[in-house]
């Protein structure tokens, strides 16, 4: 499905807020440490206004269907690159998943990273989120590092 991808605007914030809640709802089964609602991941206004971040939306006939951002980050001091692009807030409305929209957003974000002179791209995804893992692998990403966790103490659960 071909969509129009454009930079997000402040007027998109209500839609982006609903996408954020959809993302939290989708990720909650993979992460028992996400606090109960209300919870927010992002400062959407800050992402839109940050000159080092490129937040885009995919739309069709004026309806926003998907979003994602790239931001410039500084890696650990021992890595061979000074900066990298971090991709986040990758969300597509459930009724439009599997149509290649996320892949189109990734290509636009990759182009932005190239223009910024960034040669490394990273993102995070829950190991149990098989649909997202497949989508990122299809876009050329490979597993790199697994972050492990454990809870200790009274009432601890993994």
C-alpha atoms as a PDB file:
ATOM      1  CA  UNK A   1       0.000   0.000   0.000  1.00  0.00           C
ATOM      2  CA  UNK A   2       1.519   3.305  -1.057  1.00  0.00           C
ATOM      3  CA  UNK A   3       1.118   6.129   1.448  1.00  0.00           C
ATOM      4  CA  UNK A   4       2.262   9.736   1.735  1.00  0.00           C
ATOM      5  CA  UNK A   5       4.899  10.211   4.426  1.00  0.00           C
ATOM      6  CA  UNK A   6       5.403  13.648   5.889  1.00  0.00           C
ATOM      7  CA  UNK A   7       6.927  15.267   8.926  1.00  0.00           C
ATOM      8  CA  UNK A   8       4.587  15.297  11.916  1.00  0.00           C
ATOM      9  CA  UNK A   9       2.933  18.557  12.906  1.00  0.00           C
ATOM     10  CA  UNK A  10       1.693  19.826  16.246  1.00  0.00           C
ATOM     11  CA  UNK A  11      -1.846  19.366  14.901  1.00  0.00           C
ATOM     12  CA  UNK A  12      -1.119  15.598  14.703  1.00  0.00           C
ATOM     13  CA  UNK A  13      -0.640  15.324  18.476  1.00  0.00           C
ATOM     14  CA  UNK A  14      -4.171  14.007  19.269  1.00  0.00           C
ATOM     15  CA  UNK A  15      -3.693  11.176  16.747  1.00  0.00           C
ATOM     16  CA  UNK A  16      -0.141  10.535  17.962  1.00  0.00           C
ATOM     17  CA  UNK A  17      -1.414  10.357  21.554  1.00  0.00           C
ATOM     18  CA  UNK A  18      -3.862   7.647  20.525  1.00  0.00           C
ATOM     19  CA  UNK A  19      -1.016   5.820  18.716  1.00  0.00           C
ATOM     20  CA  UNK A  20       1.117   6.089  21.855  1.00  0.00           C
ATOM     21  CA  UNK A  21      -1.633   4.461  23.915  1.00  0.00           C
ATOM     22  CA  UNK A  22      -2.004   1.758  21.257  1.00  0.00           C
ATOM     23  CA  UNK A  23       1.730   1.087  21.411  1.00  0.00           C
ATOM     24  CA  UNK A  24       1.643   0.885  25.207  1.00  0.00           C
ATOM     25  CA  UNK A  25      -1.333  -1.487  25.023  1.00  0.00           C
ATOM     26  CA  UNK A  26       0.525  -3.643  22.465  1.00  0.00           C
ATOM     27  CA  UNK A  27       3.733  -3.723  24.516  1.00  0.00           C
ATOM     28  CA  UNK A  28       2.208  -4.253  27.955  1.00  0.00           C
ATOM     29  CA  UNK A  29       1.972  -8.085  27.560  1.00  0.00           C
ATOM     30  CA  UNK A  30       5.742  -8.182  26.925  1.00  0.00           C
ATOM     31  CA  UNK A  31       6.751  -5.983  29.871  1.00  0.00           C
ATOM     32  CA  UNK A  32       5.307  -6.434  33.372  1.00  0.00           C
ATOM     33  CA  UNK A  33       7.240  -3.359  34.550  1.00  0.00           C
ATOM     34  CA  UNK A  34       5.096  -0.868  32.605  1.00  0.00           C
ATOM     35  CA  UNK A  35       3.131   1.068  35.206  1.00  0.00           C
ATOM     36  CA  UNK A  36      -0.680   0.979  35.232  1.00  0.00           C
ATOM     37  CA  UNK A  37      -2.495   3.627  33.201  1.00  0.00           C
ATOM     38  CA  UNK A  38      -2.226   6.488  32.816  1.00  0.00           C
ATOM     39  CA  UNK A  39       1.277   6.197  31.383  1.00  0.00           C
ATOM     40  CA  UNK A  40       3.060   7.989  28.540  1.00  0.00           C
ATOM     41  CA  UNK A  41       6.261   7.102  26.720  1.00  0.00           C
ATOM     42  CA  UNK A  42       6.861  10.312  24.791  1.00  0.00           C
ATOM     43  CA  UNK A  43       6.903  14.075  24.947  1.00  0.00           C
ATOM     44  CA  UNK A  44       5.251  14.402  21.549  1.00  0.00           C
ATOM     45  CA  UNK A  45       5.504  18.189  21.324  1.00  0.00           C
ATOM     46  CA  UNK A  46       9.188  17.916  22.236  1.00  0.00           C
ATOM     47  CA  UNK A  47       9.817  15.268  19.566  1.00  0.00           C
ATOM     48  CA  UNK A  48       8.116  17.384  16.900  1.00  0.00           C
ATOM     49  CA  UNK A  49      10.029  20.532  17.871  1.00  0.00           C
ATOM     50  CA  UNK A  50      13.444  18.893  18.439  1.00  0.00           C
ATOM     51  CA  UNK A  51      15.777  19.769  15.531  1.00  0.00           C
ATOM     52  CA  UNK A  52      17.718  16.526  16.167  1.00  0.00           C
ATOM     53  CA  UNK A  53      14.621  14.356  15.786  1.00  0.00           C
ATOM     54  CA  UNK A  54      12.607  13.548  12.678  1.00  0.00           C
ATOM     55  CA  UNK A  55       9.074  12.360  13.549  1.00  0.00           C
ATOM     56  CA  UNK A  56       7.038  11.319  10.533  1.00  0.00           C
ATOM     57  CA  UNK A  57       3.533  10.098   9.855  1.00  0.00           C
ATOM     58  CA  UNK A  58       2.158   8.037   6.997  1.00  0.00           C
ATOM     59  CA  UNK A  59      -1.186   9.163   5.714  1.00  0.00           C
ATOM     60  CA  UNK A  60      -3.646   8.214   3.032  1.00  0.00           C
ATOM     61  CA  UNK A  61      -6.349  10.627   1.925  1.00  0.00           C
ATOM     62  CA  UNK A  62      -5.576  12.844   4.938  1.00  0.00           C
ATOM     63  CA  UNK A  63      -5.928  10.024   7.473  1.00  0.00           C
ATOM     64  CA  UNK A  64      -2.837   9.289   9.597  1.00  0.00           C
ATOM     65  CA  UNK A  65      -2.186   5.535   9.664  1.00  0.00           C
ATOM     66  CA  UNK A  66       1.309   5.128  11.095  1.00  0.00           C
ATOM     67  CA  UNK A  67       4.268   6.939  12.614  1.00  0.00           C
ATOM     68  CA  UNK A  68       7.902   6.635  13.597  1.00  0.00           C
ATOM     69  CA  UNK A  69      10.861   8.814  14.474  1.00  0.00           C
ATOM     70  CA  UNK A  70      14.606   8.936  14.137  1.00  0.00           C
ATOM     71  CA  UNK A  71      16.772  10.856  16.560  1.00  0.00           C
ATOM     72  CA  UNK A  72      20.486  11.492  16.781  1.00  0.00           C
ATOM     73  CA  UNK A  73      22.120   9.826  19.805  1.00  0.00           C
ATOM     74  CA  UNK A  74      25.589   9.528  21.260  1.00  0.00           C
ATOM     75  CA  UNK A  75      26.812   5.949  21.675  1.00  0.00           C
ATOM     76  CA  UNK A  76      28.989   4.503  24.407  1.00  0.00           C
ATOM     77  CA  UNK A  77      32.485   5.935  24.268  1.00  0.00           C
ATOM     78  CA  UNK A  78      34.142   2.691  23.152  1.00  0.00           C
ATOM     79  CA  UNK A  79      32.127   2.202  19.946  1.00  0.00           C
ATOM     80  CA  UNK A  80      33.508   3.078  16.515  1.00  0.00           C
ATOM     81  CA  UNK A  81      30.929   5.758  15.672  1.00  0.00           C
ATOM     82  CA  UNK A  82      30.431   9.194  17.255  1.00  0.00           C
ATOM     83  CA  UNK A  83      26.678   9.314  16.721  1.00  0.00           C
ATOM     84  CA  UNK A  84      23.908   7.006  15.582  1.00  0.00           C
ATOM     85  CA  UNK A  85      20.259   7.183  14.616  1.00  0.00           C
ATOM     86  CA  UNK A  86      17.800   5.668  17.052  1.00  0.00           C
ATOM     87  CA  UNK A  87      14.406   4.717  15.619  1.00  0.00           C
ATOM     88  CA  UNK A  88      11.416   4.769  17.923  1.00  0.00           C
ATOM     89  CA  UNK A  89       7.638   5.156  18.209  1.00  0.00           C
ATOM     90  CA  UNK A  90       7.144   2.772  15.298  1.00  0.00           C
ATOM     91  CA  UNK A  91       3.393   2.268  15.304  1.00  0.00           C
ATOM     92  CA  UNK A  92       0.852   1.351  12.648  1.00  0.00           C
ATOM     93  CA  UNK A  93      -2.880   1.165  13.253  1.00  0.00           C
ATOM     94  CA  UNK A  94      -3.835  -2.500  13.638  1.00  0.00           C
ATOM     95  CA  UNK A  95      -6.158  -2.467  10.602  1.00  0.00           C
ATOM     96  CA  UNK A  96      -3.242  -1.336   8.371  1.00  0.00           C
ATOM     97  CA  UNK A  97      -0.523  -3.688   9.596  1.00  0.00           C
ATOM     98  CA  UNK A  98       1.145  -6.054   7.162  1.00  0.00           C
ATOM     99  CA  UNK A  99       0.734  -3.693   4.192  1.00  0.00           C
ATOM    100  CA  UNK A 100       4.327  -2.396   4.087  1.00  0.00           C
ATOM    101  CA  UNK A 101       3.657   0.999   5.649  1.00  0.00           C
ATOM    102  CA  UNK A 102       6.229   0.517   8.414  1.00  0.00           C
ATOM    103  CA  UNK A 103       8.826  -0.388   5.780  1.00  0.00           C
ATOM    104  CA  UNK A 104       8.106   2.854   3.918  1.00  0.00           C
ATOM    105  CA  UNK A 105       8.541   4.843   7.130  1.00  0.00           C
ATOM    106  CA  UNK A 106      11.828   3.060   7.850  1.00  0.00           C
ATOM    107  CA  UNK A 107      13.127   3.978   4.373  1.00  0.00           C
ATOM    108  CA  UNK A 108      12.298   7.669   4.941  1.00  0.00           C
ATOM    109  CA  UNK A 109      13.970   7.581   8.366  1.00  0.00           C
ATOM    110  CA  UNK A 110      17.032   5.846   6.884  1.00  0.00           C
ATOM    111  CA  UNK A 111      17.281   8.614   4.273  1.00  0.00           C
ATOM    112  CA  UNK A 112      17.147  11.219   7.063  1.00  0.00           C
ATOM    113  CA  UNK A 113      19.927   9.370   8.929  1.00  0.00           C
ATOM    114  CA  UNK A 114      22.105   9.318   5.803  1.00  0.00           C
ATOM    115  CA  UNK A 115      21.628  13.064   5.287  1.00  0.00           C
ATOM    116  CA  UNK A 116      22.636  13.586   8.934  1.00  0.00           C
ATOM    117  CA  UNK A 117      25.851  11.645   8.262  1.00  0.00           C
ATOM    118  CA  UNK A 118      24.802   8.768  10.519  1.00  0.00           C
ATOM    119  CA  UNK A 119      25.954   5.315   9.467  1.00  0.00           C
ATOM    120  CA  UNK A 120      24.576   3.302  12.395  1.00  0.00           C
ATOM    121  CA  UNK A 121      20.871   2.766  13.169  1.00  0.00           C
ATOM    122  CA  UNK A 122      19.492   1.118  16.289  1.00  0.00           C
ATOM    123  CA  UNK A 123      16.075   0.395  17.728  1.00  0.00           C
ATOM    124  CA  UNK A 124      14.649  -1.690  20.532  1.00  0.00           C
ATOM    125  CA  UNK A 125      11.957  -4.332  20.344  1.00  0.00           C
ATOM    126  CA  UNK A 126      10.653  -6.851  22.866  1.00  0.00           C
ATOM    127  CA  UNK A 127      11.973 -10.365  22.215  1.00  0.00           C
ATOM    128  CA  UNK A 128       8.441 -11.778  22.423  1.00  0.00           C
ATOM    129  CA  UNK A 129       7.032  -9.351  19.860  1.00  0.00           C
ATOM    130  CA  UNK A 130       7.387 -11.666  16.859  1.00  0.00           C
ATOM    131  CA  UNK A 131       5.414  -9.513  14.366  1.00  0.00           C
ATOM    132  CA  UNK A 132       7.648  -6.502  15.093  1.00  0.00           C
ATOM    133  CA  UNK A 133      10.801  -8.623  14.978  1.00  0.00           C
ATOM    134  CA  UNK A 134       9.809  -9.987  11.558  1.00  0.00           C
ATOM    135  CA  UNK A 135       9.028  -6.491  10.259  1.00  0.00           C
ATOM    136  CA  UNK A 136      12.405  -5.127  11.374  1.00  0.00           C
ATOM    137  CA  UNK A 137      14.268  -8.140  10.010  1.00  0.00           C
ATOM    138  CA  UNK A 138      12.475  -7.687   6.688  1.00  0.00           C
ATOM    139  CA  UNK A 139      13.686  -4.061   6.706  1.00  0.00           C
ATOM    140  CA  UNK A 140      17.295  -5.219   7.173  1.00  0.00           C
ATOM    141  CA  UNK A 141      17.775  -5.066  10.937  1.00  0.00           C
ATOM    142  CA  UNK A 142      19.494  -7.878  12.789  1.00  0.00           C
ATOM    143  CA  UNK A 143      19.542  -8.847  16.443  1.00  0.00           C
ATOM    144  CA  UNK A 144      22.507  -7.330  18.201  1.00  0.00           C
ATOM    145  CA  UNK A 145      22.123  -7.399  21.964  1.00  0.00           C
ATOM    146  CA  UNK A 146      19.676  -8.954  24.350  1.00  0.00           C
ATOM    147  CA  UNK A 147      18.896  -6.969  27.498  1.00  0.00           C
ATOM    148  CA  UNK A 148      18.062  -9.235  30.397  1.00  0.00           C
ATOM    149  CA  UNK A 149      16.202  -8.401  33.592  1.00  0.00           C
ATOM    150  CA  UNK A 150      15.046  -9.896  36.852  1.00  0.00           C
ATOM    151  CA  UNK A 151      13.052  -8.721  39.832  1.00  0.00           C
ATOM    152  CA  UNK A 152      14.178  -9.618  43.323  1.00  0.00           C
ATOM    153  CA  UNK A 153      12.545  -9.152  46.698  1.00  0.00           C
ATOM    154  CA  UNK A 154       9.091  -9.798  48.156  1.00  0.00           C
ATOM    155  CA  UNK A 155       6.467 -10.592  45.553  1.00  0.00           C
ATOM    156  CA  UNK A 156       9.072 -10.601  42.792  1.00  0.00           C
ATOM    157  CA  UNK A 157       7.976 -11.823  39.405  1.00  0.00           C
ATOM    158  CA  UNK A 158       9.875 -11.943  36.169  1.00  0.00           C
END
